[in-house]
Amino acid sequence: MEIWINPACSKCQSALSLLDGEEAQYVVRYYLEEPPTVEEIDAVLQRLALEPWDLTRIGEPAAAELGLAEWPREAGDRTRWIEALAAHPSLIQRPIITADDGTAVLGRSPESVRSVLP
């Protein structure tokens, strides 16, 4: 299992505490320091069954600079959104947990974090 985190994020800290409490085996990825590639983001979106705009932090300064709130949200625009997330990883919602069984969750609640535990 891998968890993408920002160590300054309280939701990430909560997810890590829950995983530790359950003695889960996981690898931490500090995604701001080691940004995911376009391919990795696309794969995670498929596992999450989300579109890139569903995973985007629209309130971030980079989102305002790019004008993301005005971008179209159609299938033909997916690549543009994914490229923006790869170029500006601070726009990615967190924490994202990818489980060994192929599932993934946006671990913003204790319930979602628990859902990937064996």
PDB file of N, CA and C in Angstrom:
ATOM      1  N   MET A   1       0.855  -1.162   0.000  1.00  0.00           N
ATOM      2  CA  MET A   1       0.000   0.000   0.000  1.00  0.00           C
ATOM      3  C   MET A   1       0.904   1.228   0.000  1.00  0.00           C
ATOM      4  N   GLU A   2       0.460   2.240  -0.738  1.00  0.00           N
ATOM      5  CA  GLU A   2       1.203   3.502  -0.790  1.00  0.00           C
ATOM      6  C   GLU A   2       0.242   4.622  -0.434  1.00  0.00           C
ATOM      7  N   ILE A   3       0.743   5.624   0.283  1.00  0.00           N
ATOM      8  CA  ILE A   3      -0.071   6.779   0.636  1.00  0.00           C
ATOM      9  C   ILE A   3       0.664   8.040   0.198  1.00  0.00           C
ATOM     10  N   TRP A   4      -0.017   8.852  -0.594  1.00  0.00           N
ATOM     11  CA  TRP A   4       0.532  10.132  -1.046  1.00  0.00           C
ATOM     12  C   TRP A   4       0.119  11.178  -0.023  1.00  0.00           C
ATOM     13  N   ILE A   5       1.119  11.841   0.561  1.00  0.00           N
ATOM     14  CA  ILE A   5       0.798  12.808   1.615  1.00  0.00           C
ATOM     15  C   ILE A   5       1.578  14.112   1.456  1.00  0.00           C
ATOM     16  N   ASN A   6       1.037  15.110   2.126  1.00  0.00           N
ATOM     17  CA  ASN A   6       1.721  16.360   2.418  1.00  0.00           C
ATOM     18  C   ASN A   6       1.854  16.347   3.941  1.00  0.00           C
ATOM     19  N   PRO A   7       3.072  16.327   4.489  1.00  0.00           N
ATOM     20  CA  PRO A   7       3.215  16.194   5.938  1.00  0.00           C
ATOM     21  C   PRO A   7       2.582  17.333   6.734  1.00  0.00           C
ATOM     22  N   ALA A   8       2.315  18.475   6.106  1.00  0.00           N
ATOM     23  CA  ALA A   8       1.688  19.595   6.804  1.00  0.00           C
ATOM     24  C   ALA A   8       0.165  19.471   6.854  1.00  0.00           C
ATOM     25  N   CYS A   9      -0.389  18.459   6.207  1.00  0.00           N
ATOM     26  CA  CYS A   9      -1.845  18.290   6.094  1.00  0.00           C
ATOM     27  C   CYS A   9      -2.390  17.484   7.278  1.00  0.00           C
ATOM     28  N   SER A  10      -3.398  18.015   7.954  1.00  0.00           N
ATOM     29  CA  SER A  10      -3.969  17.322   9.110  1.00  0.00           C
ATOM     30  C   SER A  10      -4.687  16.034   8.696  1.00  0.00           C
ATOM     31  N   LYS A  11      -5.331  16.013   7.533  1.00  0.00           N
ATOM     32  CA  LYS A  11      -6.000  14.793   7.061  1.00  0.00           C
ATOM     33  C   LYS A  11      -4.970  13.692   6.792  1.00  0.00           C
ATOM     34  N   CYS A  12      -3.804  14.089   6.272  1.00  0.00           N
ATOM     35  CA  CYS A  12      -2.729  13.115   6.026  1.00  0.00           C
ATOM     36  C   CYS A  12      -2.211  12.566   7.348  1.00  0.00           C
ATOM     37  N   GLN A  13      -2.014  13.437   8.318  1.00  0.00           N
ATOM     38  CA  GLN A  13      -1.532  13.003   9.624  1.00  0.00           C
ATOM     39  C   GLN A  13      -2.532  12.046  10.274  1.00  0.00           C
ATOM     40  N   SER A  14      -3.818  12.343  10.135  1.00  0.00           N
ATOM     41  CA  SER A  14      -4.854  11.468  10.692  1.00  0.00           C
ATOM     42  C   SER A  14      -4.844  10.101  10.016  1.00  0.00           C
ATOM     43  N   ALA A  15      -4.693  10.105   8.686  1.00  0.00           N
ATOM     44  CA  ALA A  15      -4.654   8.834   7.948  1.00  0.00           C
ATOM     45  C   ALA A  15      -3.456   7.999   8.378  1.00  0.00           C
ATOM     46  N   LEU A  16      -2.299   8.641   8.521  1.00  0.00           N
ATOM     47  CA  LEU A  16      -1.105   7.913   8.954  1.00  0.00           C
ATOM     48  C   LEU A  16      -1.292   7.340  10.351  1.00  0.00           C
ATOM     49  N   SER A  17      -1.884   8.113  11.249  1.00  0.00           N
ATOM     50  CA  SER A  17      -2.131   7.634  12.616  1.00  0.00           C
ATOM     51  C   SER A  17      -3.050   6.420  12.614  1.00  0.00           C
ATOM     52  N   LEU A  18      -4.080   6.471  11.796  1.00  0.00           N
ATOM     53  CA  LEU A  18      -5.010   5.347  11.716  1.00  0.00           C
ATOM     54  C   LEU A  18      -4.308   4.116  11.153  1.00  0.00           C
ATOM     55  N   LEU A  19      -3.535   4.292  10.080  1.00  0.00           N
ATOM     56  CA  LEU A  19      -2.797   3.162   9.503  1.00  0.00           C
ATOM     57  C   LEU A  19      -1.819   2.577  10.505  1.00  0.00           C
ATOM     58  N   ASP A  20      -1.118   3.449  11.226  1.00  0.00           N
ATOM     59  CA  ASP A  20      -0.181   2.976  12.244  1.00  0.00           C
ATOM     60  C   ASP A  20      -0.909   2.229  13.355  1.00  0.00           C
ATOM     61  N   GLY A  21      -2.061   2.746  13.762  1.00  0.00           N
ATOM     62  CA  GLY A  21      -2.848   2.102  14.805  1.00  0.00           C
ATOM     63  C   GLY A  21      -3.312   0.710  14.408  1.00  0.00           C
ATOM     64  N   GLU A  22      -3.520   0.529  13.124  1.00  0.00           N
ATOM     65  CA  GLU A  22      -3.936  -0.777  12.602  1.00  0.00           C
ATOM     66  C   GLU A  22      -2.744  -1.644  12.198  1.00  0.00           C
ATOM     67  N   GLU A  23      -1.535  -1.134  12.437  1.00  0.00           N
ATOM     68  CA  GLU A  23      -0.290  -1.819  12.085  1.00  0.00           C
ATOM     69  C   GLU A  23      -0.247  -2.202  10.603  1.00  0.00           C
ATOM     70  N   ALA A  24      -0.766  -1.298   9.769  1.00  0.00           N
ATOM     71  CA  ALA A  24      -0.766  -1.520   8.326  1.00  0.00           C
ATOM     72  C   ALA A  24       0.640  -1.315   7.770  1.00  0.00           C
ATOM     73  N   GLN A  25       0.949  -2.064   6.737  1.00  0.00           N
ATOM     74  CA  GLN A  25       2.222  -1.914   6.029  1.00  0.00           C
ATOM     75  C   GLN A  25       1.985  -0.959   4.868  1.00  0.00           C
ATOM     76  N   TYR A  26       2.765   0.121   4.807  1.00  0.00           N
ATOM     77  CA  TYR A  26       2.582   1.092   3.742  1.00  0.00           C
ATOM     78  C   TYR A  26       3.882   1.820   3.464  1.00  0.00           C
ATOM     79  N   VAL A  27       3.905   2.459   2.297  1.00  0.00           N
ATOM     80  CA  VAL A  27       5.024   3.292   1.881  1.00  0.00           C
ATOM     81  C   VAL A  27       4.485   4.707   1.750  1.00  0.00           C
ATOM     82  N   VAL A  28       5.210   5.667   2.307  1.00  0.00           N
ATOM     83  CA  VAL A  28       4.820   7.071   2.210  1.00  0.00           C
ATOM     84  C   VAL A  28       5.457   7.691   0.978  1.00  0.00           C
ATOM     85  N   ARG A  29       4.645   8.416   0.240  1.00  0.00           N
ATOM     86  CA  ARG A  29       5.163   9.203  -0.885  1.00  0.00           C
ATOM     87  C   ARG A  29       4.830  10.658  -0.608  1.00  0.00           C
ATOM     88  N   TYR A  30       5.872  11.451  -0.457  1.00  0.00           N
ATOM     89  CA  TYR A  30       5.711  12.888  -0.273  1.00  0.00           C
ATOM     90  C   TYR A  30       5.547  13.485  -1.668  1.00  0.00           C
ATOM     91  N   TYR A  31       4.300  13.552  -2.121  1.00  0.00           N
ATOM     92  CA  TYR A  31       4.042  13.847  -3.524  1.00  0.00           C
ATOM     93  C   TYR A  31       4.398  15.267  -3.948  1.00  0.00           C
ATOM     94  N   LEU A  32       4.618  16.166  -3.010  1.00  0.00           N
ATOM     95  CA  LEU A  32       5.086  17.503  -3.384  1.00  0.00           C
ATOM     96  C   LEU A  32       6.581  17.476  -3.711  1.00  0.00           C
ATOM     97  N   GLU A  33       7.306  16.581  -3.064  1.00  0.00           N
ATOM     98  CA  GLU A  33       8.743  16.428  -3.313  1.00  0.00           C
ATOM     99  C   GLU A  33       9.012  15.471  -4.473  1.00  0.00           C
ATOM    100  N   GLU A  34       8.169  14.475  -4.629  1.00  0.00           N
ATOM    101  CA  GLU A  34       8.289  13.477  -5.699  1.00  0.00           C
ATOM    102  C   GLU A  34       6.962  13.448  -6.460  1.00  0.00           C
ATOM    103  N   PRO A  35       6.746  14.469  -7.303  1.00  0.00           N
ATOM    104  CA  PRO A  35       5.444  14.589  -7.975  1.00  0.00           C
ATOM    105  C   PRO A  35       5.142  13.384  -8.859  1.00  0.00           C
ATOM    106  N   PRO A  36       3.868  12.981  -8.858  1.00  0.00           N
ATOM    107  CA  PRO A  36       3.474  11.889  -9.734  1.00  0.00           C
ATOM    108  C   PRO A  36       3.494  12.336 -11.194  1.00  0.00           C
ATOM    109  N   THR A  37       3.741  11.387 -12.071  1.00  0.00           N
ATOM    110  CA  THR A  37       3.746  11.659 -13.502  1.00  0.00           C
ATOM    111  C   THR A  37       2.310  11.703 -14.023  1.00  0.00           C
ATOM    112  N   VAL A  38       2.169  12.153 -15.246  1.00  0.00           N
ATOM    113  CA  VAL A  38       0.864  12.142 -15.907  1.00  0.00           C
ATOM    114  C   VAL A  38       0.297  10.724 -15.894  1.00  0.00           C
ATOM    115  N   GLU A  39       1.143   9.749 -16.198  1.00  0.00           N
ATOM    116  CA  GLU A  39       0.698   8.356 -16.234  1.00  0.00           C
ATOM    117  C   GLU A  39       0.248   7.870 -14.861  1.00  0.00           C
ATOM    118  N   GLU A  40       1.004   8.240 -13.816  1.00  0.00           N
ATOM    119  CA  GLU A  40       0.627   7.825 -12.457  1.00  0.00           C
ATOM    120  C   GLU A  40      -0.690   8.468 -12.030  1.00  0.00           C
ATOM    121  N   ILE A  41      -0.875   9.732 -12.351  1.00  0.00           N
ATOM    122  CA  ILE A  41      -2.125  10.406 -11.994  1.00  0.00           C
ATOM    123  C   ILE A  41      -3.289   9.769 -12.726  1.00  0.00           C
ATOM    124  N   ASP A  42      -3.115   9.490 -14.014  1.00  0.00           N
ATOM    125  CA  ASP A  42      -4.175   8.854 -14.780  1.00  0.00           C
ATOM    126  C   ASP A  42      -4.527   7.494 -14.183  1.00  0.00           C
ATOM    127  N   ALA A  43      -3.515   6.707 -13.807  1.00  0.00           N
ATOM    128  CA  ALA A  43      -3.752   5.390 -13.214  1.00  0.00           C
ATOM    129  C   ALA A  43      -4.495   5.506 -11.881  1.00  0.00           C
ATOM    130  N   VAL A  44      -4.101   6.463 -11.053  1.00  0.00           N
ATOM    131  CA  VAL A  44      -4.779   6.662  -9.768  1.00  0.00           C
ATOM    132  C   VAL A  44      -6.221   7.098  -9.991  1.00  0.00           C
ATOM    133  N   LEU A  45      -6.445   7.981 -10.938  1.00  0.00           N
ATOM    134  CA  LEU A  45      -7.815   8.411 -11.232  1.00  0.00           C
ATOM    135  C   LEU A  45      -8.679   7.226 -11.658  1.00  0.00           C
ATOM    136  N   GLN A  46      -8.117   6.341 -12.452  1.00  0.00           N
ATOM    137  CA  GLN A  46      -8.869   5.146 -12.864  1.00  0.00           C
ATOM    138  C   GLN A  46      -9.195   4.282 -11.654  1.00  0.00           C
ATOM    139  N   ARG A  47      -8.220   4.112 -10.772  1.00  0.00           N
ATOM    140  CA  ARG A  47      -8.445   3.298  -9.565  1.00  0.00           C
ATOM    141  C   ARG A  47      -9.472   3.948  -8.647  1.00  0.00           C
ATOM    142  N   LEU A  48      -9.474   5.278  -8.589  1.00  0.00           N
ATOM    143  CA  LEU A  48     -10.418   6.009  -7.753  1.00  0.00           C
ATOM    144  C   LEU A  48     -11.792   6.143  -8.404  1.00  0.00           C
ATOM    145  N   ALA A  49     -11.861   5.896  -9.712  1.00  0.00           N
ATOM    146  CA  ALA A  49     -13.080   6.123 -10.499  1.00  0.00           C
ATOM    147  C   ALA A  49     -13.515   7.585 -10.417  1.00  0.00           C
ATOM    148  N   LEU A  50     -12.519   8.480 -10.529  1.00  0.00           N
ATOM    149  CA  LEU A  50     -12.766   9.919 -10.490  1.00  0.00           C
ATOM    150  C   LEU A  50     -12.208  10.568 -11.754  1.00  0.00           C
ATOM    151  N   GLU A  51     -12.673  11.758 -12.011  1.00  0.00           N
ATOM    152  CA  GLU A  51     -12.118  12.589 -13.078  1.00  0.00           C
ATOM    153  C   GLU A  51     -11.091  13.529 -12.444  1.00  0.00           C
ATOM    154  N   PRO A  52     -10.164  14.057 -13.235  1.00  0.00           N
ATOM    155  CA  PRO A  52      -9.117  14.904 -12.647  1.00  0.00           C
ATOM    156  C   PRO A  52      -9.661  16.137 -11.932  1.00  0.00           C
ATOM    157  N   TRP A  53     -10.740  16.707 -12.427  1.00  0.00           N
ATOM    158  CA  TRP A  53     -11.315  17.888 -11.769  1.00  0.00           C
ATOM    159  C   TRP A  53     -11.922  17.531 -10.420  1.00  0.00           C
ATOM    160  N   ASP A  54     -12.266  16.249 -10.205  1.00  0.00           N
ATOM    161  CA  ASP A  54     -12.783  15.803  -8.909  1.00  0.00           C
ATOM    162  C   ASP A  54     -11.674  15.740  -7.862  1.00  0.00           C
ATOM    163  N   LEU A  55     -10.442  15.643  -8.318  1.00  0.00           N
ATOM    164  CA  LEU A  55      -9.283  15.478  -7.443  1.00  0.00           C
ATOM    165  C   LEU A  55      -8.503  16.789  -7.275  1.00  0.00           C
ATOM    166  N   THR A  56      -9.002  17.856  -7.885  1.00  0.00           N
ATOM    167  CA  THR A  56      -8.263  19.123  -7.926  1.00  0.00           C
ATOM    168  C   THR A  56      -8.685  20.047  -6.795  1.00  0.00           C
ATOM    169  N   ARG A  57      -7.684  20.623  -6.154  1.00  0.00           N
ATOM    170  CA  ARG A  57      -7.901  21.604  -5.089  1.00  0.00           C
ATOM    171  C   ARG A  57      -8.035  22.982  -5.756  1.00  0.00           C
ATOM    172  N   ILE A  58      -9.253  23.352  -6.075  1.00  0.00           N
ATOM    173  CA  ILE A  58      -9.533  24.582  -6.817  1.00  0.00           C
ATOM    174  C   ILE A  58      -9.182  25.831  -6.011  1.00  0.00           C
ATOM    175  N   GLY A  59      -9.132  25.734  -4.693  1.00  0.00           N
ATOM    176  CA  GLY A  59      -8.828  26.890  -3.851  1.00  0.00           C
ATOM    177  C   GLY A  59      -7.350  27.241  -3.740  1.00  0.00           C
ATOM    178  N   GLU A  60      -6.489  26.429  -4.320  1.00  0.00           N
ATOM    179  CA  GLU A  60      -5.046  26.685  -4.247  1.00  0.00           C
ATOM    180  C   GLU A  60      -4.656  27.868  -5.132  1.00  0.00           C
ATOM    181  N   PRO A  61      -3.607  28.609  -4.743  1.00  0.00           N
ATOM    182  CA  PRO A  61      -3.142  29.725  -5.580  1.00  0.00           C
ATOM    183  C   PRO A  61      -2.810  29.314  -7.017  1.00  0.00           C
ATOM    184  N   ALA A  62      -2.208  28.145  -7.190  1.00  0.00           N
ATOM    185  CA  ALA A  62      -1.877  27.689  -8.548  1.00  0.00           C
ATOM    186  C   ALA A  62      -3.138  27.502  -9.387  1.00  0.00           C
ATOM    187  N   ALA A  63      -4.229  27.085  -8.757  1.00  0.00           N
ATOM    188  CA  ALA A  63      -5.490  26.920  -9.484  1.00  0.00           C
ATOM    189  C   ALA A  63      -6.005  28.268  -9.975  1.00  0.00           C
ATOM    190  N   ALA A  64      -5.895  29.276  -9.124  1.00  0.00           N
ATOM    191  CA  ALA A  64      -6.323  30.617  -9.525  1.00  0.00           C
ATOM    192  C   ALA A  64      -5.450  31.143 -10.658  1.00  0.00           C
ATOM    193  N   GLU A  65      -4.133  30.928 -10.543  1.00  0.00           N
ATOM    194  CA  GLU A  65      -3.218  31.388 -11.589  1.00  0.00           C
ATOM    195  C   GLU A  65      -3.537  30.751 -12.934  1.00  0.00           C
ATOM    196  N   LEU A  66      -3.902  29.474 -12.914  1.00  0.00           N
ATOM    197  CA  LEU A  66      -4.220  28.751 -14.141  1.00  0.00           C
ATOM    198  C   LEU A  66      -5.649  29.004 -14.623  1.00  0.00           C
ATOM    199  N   GLY A  67      -6.479  29.564 -13.750  1.00  0.00           N
ATOM    200  CA  GLY A  67      -7.880  29.780 -14.097  1.00  0.00           C
ATOM    201  C   GLY A  67      -8.680  28.487 -14.158  1.00  0.00           C
ATOM    202  N   LEU A  68      -8.315  27.515 -13.327  1.00  0.00           N
ATOM    203  CA  LEU A  68      -8.939  26.185 -13.371  1.00  0.00           C
ATOM    204  C   LEU A  68     -10.451  26.212 -13.156  1.00  0.00           C
ATOM    205  N   ALA A  69     -10.933  27.136 -12.374  1.00  0.00           N
ATOM    206  CA  ALA A  69     -12.374  27.191 -12.121  1.00  0.00           C
ATOM    207  C   ALA A  69     -13.155  27.397 -13.415  1.00  0.00           C
ATOM    208  N   GLU A  70     -12.506  27.974 -14.411  1.00  0.00           N
ATOM    209  CA  GLU A  70     -13.164  28.250 -15.689  1.00  0.00           C
ATOM    210  C   GLU A  70     -12.930  27.156 -16.733  1.00  0.00           C
ATOM    211  N   TRP A  71     -12.042  26.212 -16.456  1.00  0.00           N
ATOM    212  CA  TRP A  71     -11.731  25.171 -17.447  1.00  0.00           C
ATOM    213  C   TRP A  71     -12.932  24.264 -17.662  1.00  0.00           C
ATOM    214  N   PRO A  72     -13.160  23.841 -18.901  1.00  0.00           N
ATOM    215  CA  PRO A  72     -14.242  22.880 -19.165  1.00  0.00           C
ATOM    216  C   PRO A  72     -13.948  21.537 -18.489  1.00  0.00           C
ATOM    217  N   ARG A  73     -15.007  20.854 -18.151  1.00  0.00           N
ATOM    218  CA  ARG A  73     -14.889  19.557 -17.468  1.00  0.00           C
ATOM    219  C   ARG A  73     -15.568  18.481 -18.313  1.00  0.00           C
ATOM    220  N   GLU A  74     -14.984  18.246 -19.450  1.00  0.00           N
ATOM    221  CA  GLU A  74     -15.496  17.261 -20.401  1.00  0.00           C
ATOM    222  C   GLU A  74     -14.419  16.207 -20.648  1.00  0.00           C
ATOM    223  N   ALA A  75     -14.819  15.063 -21.174  1.00  0.00           N
ATOM    224  CA  ALA A  75     -13.878  13.964 -21.418  1.00  0.00           C
ATOM    225  C   ALA A  75     -12.684  14.426 -22.249  1.00  0.00           C
ATOM    226  N   GLY A  76     -12.904  15.285 -23.211  1.00  0.00           N
ATOM    227  CA  GLY A  76     -11.827  15.768 -24.063  1.00  0.00           C
ATOM    228  C   GLY A  76     -10.829  16.662 -23.353  1.00  0.00           C
ATOM    229  N   ASP A  77     -11.165  17.097 -22.145  1.00  0.00           N
ATOM    230  CA  ASP A  77     -10.298  17.992 -21.373  1.00  0.00           C
ATOM    231  C   ASP A  77      -9.492  17.274 -20.305  1.00  0.00           C
ATOM    232  N   ARG A  78      -9.693  15.960 -20.160  1.00  0.00           N
ATOM    233  CA  ARG A  78      -9.001  15.180 -19.123  1.00  0.00           C
ATOM    234  C   ARG A  78      -7.497  15.364 -19.153  1.00  0.00           C
ATOM    235  N   THR A  79      -6.907  15.230 -20.334  1.00  0.00           N
ATOM    236  CA  THR A  79      -5.448  15.295 -20.447  1.00  0.00           C
ATOM    237  C   THR A  79      -4.923  16.633 -19.968  1.00  0.00           C
ATOM    238  N   ARG A  80      -5.594  17.702 -20.345  1.00  0.00           N
ATOM    239  CA  ARG A  80      -5.176  19.045 -19.911  1.00  0.00           C
ATOM    240  C   ARG A  80      -5.180  19.146 -18.389  1.00  0.00           C
ATOM    241  N   TRP A  81      -6.232  18.638 -17.770  1.00  0.00           N
ATOM    242  CA  TRP A  81      -6.331  18.660 -16.309  1.00  0.00           C
ATOM    243  C   TRP A  81      -5.238  17.812 -15.661  1.00  0.00           C
ATOM    244  N   ILE A  82      -5.029  16.616 -16.189  1.00  0.00           N
ATOM    245  CA  ILE A  82      -4.014  15.720 -15.621  1.00  0.00           C
ATOM    246  C   ILE A  82      -2.626  16.344 -15.759  1.00  0.00           C
ATOM    247  N   GLU A  83      -2.350  16.953 -16.878  1.00  0.00           N
ATOM    248  CA  GLU A  83      -1.061  17.633 -17.065  1.00  0.00           C
ATOM    249  C   GLU A  83      -0.890  18.776 -16.065  1.00  0.00           C
ATOM    250  N   ALA A  84      -1.966  19.495 -15.762  1.00  0.00           N
ATOM    251  CA  ALA A  84      -1.900  20.570 -14.767  1.00  0.00           C
ATOM    252  C   ALA A  84      -1.598  20.007 -13.381  1.00  0.00           C
ATOM    253  N   LEU A  85      -2.218  18.866 -13.040  1.00  0.00           N
ATOM    254  CA  LEU A  85      -1.954  18.233 -11.741  1.00  0.00           C
ATOM    255  C   LEU A  85      -0.507  17.767 -11.647  1.00  0.00           C
ATOM    256  N   ALA A  86       0.010  17.215 -12.732  1.00  0.00           N
ATOM    257  CA  ALA A  86       1.403  16.757 -12.732  1.00  0.00           C
ATOM    258  C   ALA A  86       2.367  17.929 -12.617  1.00  0.00           C
ATOM    259  N   ALA A  87       2.052  19.028 -13.262  1.00  0.00           N
ATOM    260  CA  ALA A  87       2.925  20.208 -13.222  1.00  0.00           C
ATOM    261  C   ALA A  87       2.823  20.966 -11.907  1.00  0.00           C
ATOM    262  N   HIS A  88       1.677  20.853 -11.248  1.00  0.00           N
ATOM    263  CA  HIS A  88       1.425  21.580  -9.991  1.00  0.00           C
ATOM    264  C   HIS A  88       0.842  20.609  -8.963  1.00  0.00           C
ATOM    265  N   PRO A  89       1.663  19.738  -8.384  1.00  0.00           N
ATOM    266  CA  PRO A  89       1.127  18.698  -7.485  1.00  0.00           C
ATOM    267  C   PRO A  89       0.396  19.241  -6.261  1.00  0.00           C
ATOM    268  N   SER A  90       0.612  20.494  -5.902  1.00  0.00           N
ATOM    269  CA  SER A  90      -0.122  21.061  -4.760  1.00  0.00           C
ATOM    270  C   SER A  90      -1.624  21.103  -5.043  1.00  0.00           C
ATOM    271  N   LEU A  91      -2.015  20.929  -6.296  1.00  0.00           N
ATOM    272  CA  LEU A  91      -3.428  20.933  -6.671  1.00  0.00           C
ATOM    273  C   LEU A  91      -4.118  19.604  -6.384  1.00  0.00           C
ATOM    274  N   ILE A  92      -3.355  18.568  -6.068  1.00  0.00           N
ATOM    275  CA  ILE A  92      -3.924  17.229  -5.877  1.00  0.00           C
ATOM    276  C   ILE A  92      -4.473  17.080  -4.460  1.00  0.00           C
ATOM    277  N   GLN A  93      -5.742  16.636  -4.376  1.00  0.00           N
ATOM    278  CA  GLN A  93      -6.333  16.337  -3.071  1.00  0.00           C
ATOM    279  C   GLN A  93      -5.520  15.257  -2.389  1.00  0.00           C
ATOM    280  N   ARG A  94      -5.527  15.241  -1.086  1.00  0.00           N
ATOM    281  CA  ARG A  94      -4.753  14.271  -0.326  1.00  0.00           C
ATOM    282  C   ARG A  94      -5.483  13.915   0.961  1.00  0.00           C
ATOM    283  N   PRO A  95      -5.079  12.822   1.560  1.00  0.00           N
ATOM    284  CA  PRO A  95      -4.144  11.802   1.120  1.00  0.00           C
ATOM    285  C   PRO A  95      -4.808  10.835   0.144  1.00  0.00           C
ATOM    286  N   ILE A  96      -4.003  10.286  -0.733  1.00  0.00           N
ATOM    287  CA  ILE A  96      -4.467   9.242  -1.647  1.00  0.00           C
ATOM    288  C   ILE A  96      -3.777   7.953  -1.231  1.00  0.00           C
ATOM    289  N   ILE A  97      -4.586   6.921  -1.038  1.00  0.00           N
ATOM    290  CA  ILE A  97      -4.047   5.621  -0.637  1.00  0.00           C
ATOM    291  C   ILE A  97      -4.333   4.626  -1.756  1.00  0.00           C
ATOM    292  N   THR A  98      -3.279   3.997  -2.254  1.00  0.00           N
ATOM    293  CA  THR A  98      -3.424   2.939  -3.248  1.00  0.00           C
ATOM    294  C   THR A  98      -3.126   1.619  -2.552  1.00  0.00           C
ATOM    295  N   ALA A  99      -4.104   0.740  -2.584  1.00  0.00           N
ATOM    296  CA  ALA A  99      -3.973  -0.546  -1.897  1.00  0.00           C
ATOM    297  C   ALA A  99      -3.393  -1.599  -2.827  1.00  0.00           C
ATOM    298  N   ASP A 100      -2.844  -2.624  -2.219  1.00  0.00           N
ATOM    299  CA  ASP A 100      -2.221  -3.713  -2.973  1.00  0.00           C
ATOM    300  C   ASP A 100      -3.222  -4.487  -3.824  1.00  0.00           C
ATOM    301  N   ASP A 101      -4.497  -4.435  -3.484  1.00  0.00           N
ATOM    302  CA  ASP A 101      -5.506  -5.185  -4.242  1.00  0.00           C
ATOM    303  C   ASP A 101      -6.011  -4.427  -5.468  1.00  0.00           C
ATOM    304  N   GLY A 102      -5.410  -3.254  -5.756  1.00  0.00           N
ATOM    305  CA  GLY A 102      -5.804  -2.485  -6.931  1.00  0.00           C
ATOM    306  C   GLY A 102      -6.799  -1.376  -6.652  1.00  0.00           C
ATOM    307  N   THR A 103      -7.322  -1.326  -5.440  1.00  0.00           N
ATOM    308  CA  THR A 103      -8.250  -0.261  -5.097  1.00  0.00           C
ATOM    309  C   THR A 103      -7.466   0.979  -4.660  1.00  0.00           C
ATOM    310  N   ALA A 104      -8.171   2.074  -4.586  1.00  0.00           N
ATOM    311  CA  ALA A 104      -7.578   3.320  -4.093  1.00  0.00           C
ATOM    312  C   ALA A 104      -8.692   4.147  -3.468  1.00  0.00           C
ATOM    313  N   VAL A 105      -8.301   4.999  -2.532  1.00  0.00           N
ATOM    314  CA  VAL A 105      -9.269   5.902  -1.900  1.00  0.00           C
ATOM    315  C   VAL A 105      -8.623   7.258  -1.668  1.00  0.00           C
ATOM    316  N   LEU A 106      -9.468   8.244  -1.636  1.00  0.00           N
ATOM    317  CA  LEU A 106      -9.078   9.557  -1.150  1.00  0.00           C
ATOM    318  C   LEU A 106      -9.361   9.494   0.342  1.00  0.00           C
ATOM    319  N   GLY A 107      -8.294   9.424   1.140  1.00  0.00           N
ATOM    320  CA  GLY A 107      -8.421   9.119   2.558  1.00  0.00           C
ATOM    321  C   GLY A 107      -8.699  10.313   3.448  1.00  0.00           C
ATOM    322  N   ARG A 108      -9.731  11.072   3.129  1.00  0.00           N
ATOM    323  CA  ARG A 108     -10.029  12.265   3.911  1.00  0.00           C
ATOM    324  C   ARG A 108     -10.885  11.967   5.145  1.00  0.00           C
ATOM    325  N   SER A 109     -11.415  10.760   5.221  1.00  0.00           N
ATOM    326  CA  SER A 109     -12.191  10.384   6.408  1.00  0.00           C
ATOM    327  C   SER A 109     -11.646   9.068   6.957  1.00  0.00           C
ATOM    328  N   PRO A 110     -11.837   8.821   8.251  1.00  0.00           N
ATOM    329  CA  PRO A 110     -11.386   7.547   8.822  1.00  0.00           C
ATOM    330  C   PRO A 110     -12.033   6.352   8.123  1.00  0.00           C
ATOM    331  N   GLU A 111     -13.296   6.484   7.719  1.00  0.00           N
ATOM    332  CA  GLU A 111     -13.994   5.389   7.054  1.00  0.00           C
ATOM    333  C   GLU A 111     -13.318   5.033   5.728  1.00  0.00           C
ATOM    334  N   SER A 112     -12.922   6.059   4.949  1.00  0.00           N
ATOM    335  CA  SER A 112     -12.293   5.764   3.670  1.00  0.00           C
ATOM    336  C   SER A 112     -10.929   5.128   3.867  1.00  0.00           C
ATOM    337  N   VAL A 113     -10.181   5.564   4.878  1.00  0.00           N
ATOM    338  CA  VAL A 113      -8.885   4.952   5.165  1.00  0.00           C
ATOM    339  C   VAL A 113      -9.094   3.489   5.565  1.00  0.00           C
ATOM    340  N   ARG A 114     -10.034   3.226   6.432  1.00  0.00           N
ATOM    341  CA  ARG A 114     -10.288   1.856   6.870  1.00  0.00           C
ATOM    342  C   ARG A 114     -10.724   0.952   5.722  1.00  0.00           C
ATOM    343  N   SER A 115     -11.340   1.532   4.709  1.00  0.00           N
ATOM    344  CA  SER A 115     -11.872   0.719   3.619  1.00  0.00           C
ATOM    345  C   SER A 115     -10.777   0.009   2.809  1.00  0.00           C
ATOM    346  N   VAL A 116      -9.532   0.471   2.899  1.00  0.00           N
ATOM    347  CA  VAL A 116      -8.454  -0.184   2.153  1.00  0.00           C
ATOM    348  C   VAL A 116      -7.639  -1.139   3.016  1.00  0.00           C
ATOM    349  N   LEU A 117      -7.997  -1.245   4.276  1.00  0.00           N
ATOM    350  CA  LEU A 117      -7.286  -2.168   5.158  1.00  0.00           C
ATOM    351  C   LEU A 117      -7.755  -3.599   4.899  1.00  0.00           C
ATOM    352  N   PRO A 118      -6.821  -4.551   4.998  1.00  0.00           N
ATOM    353  CA  PRO A 118      -7.220  -5.955   4.770  1.00  0.00           C
ATOM    354  C   PRO A 118      -8.174  -6.454   5.842  1.00  0.00           C
TER     355      PRO A 118
END
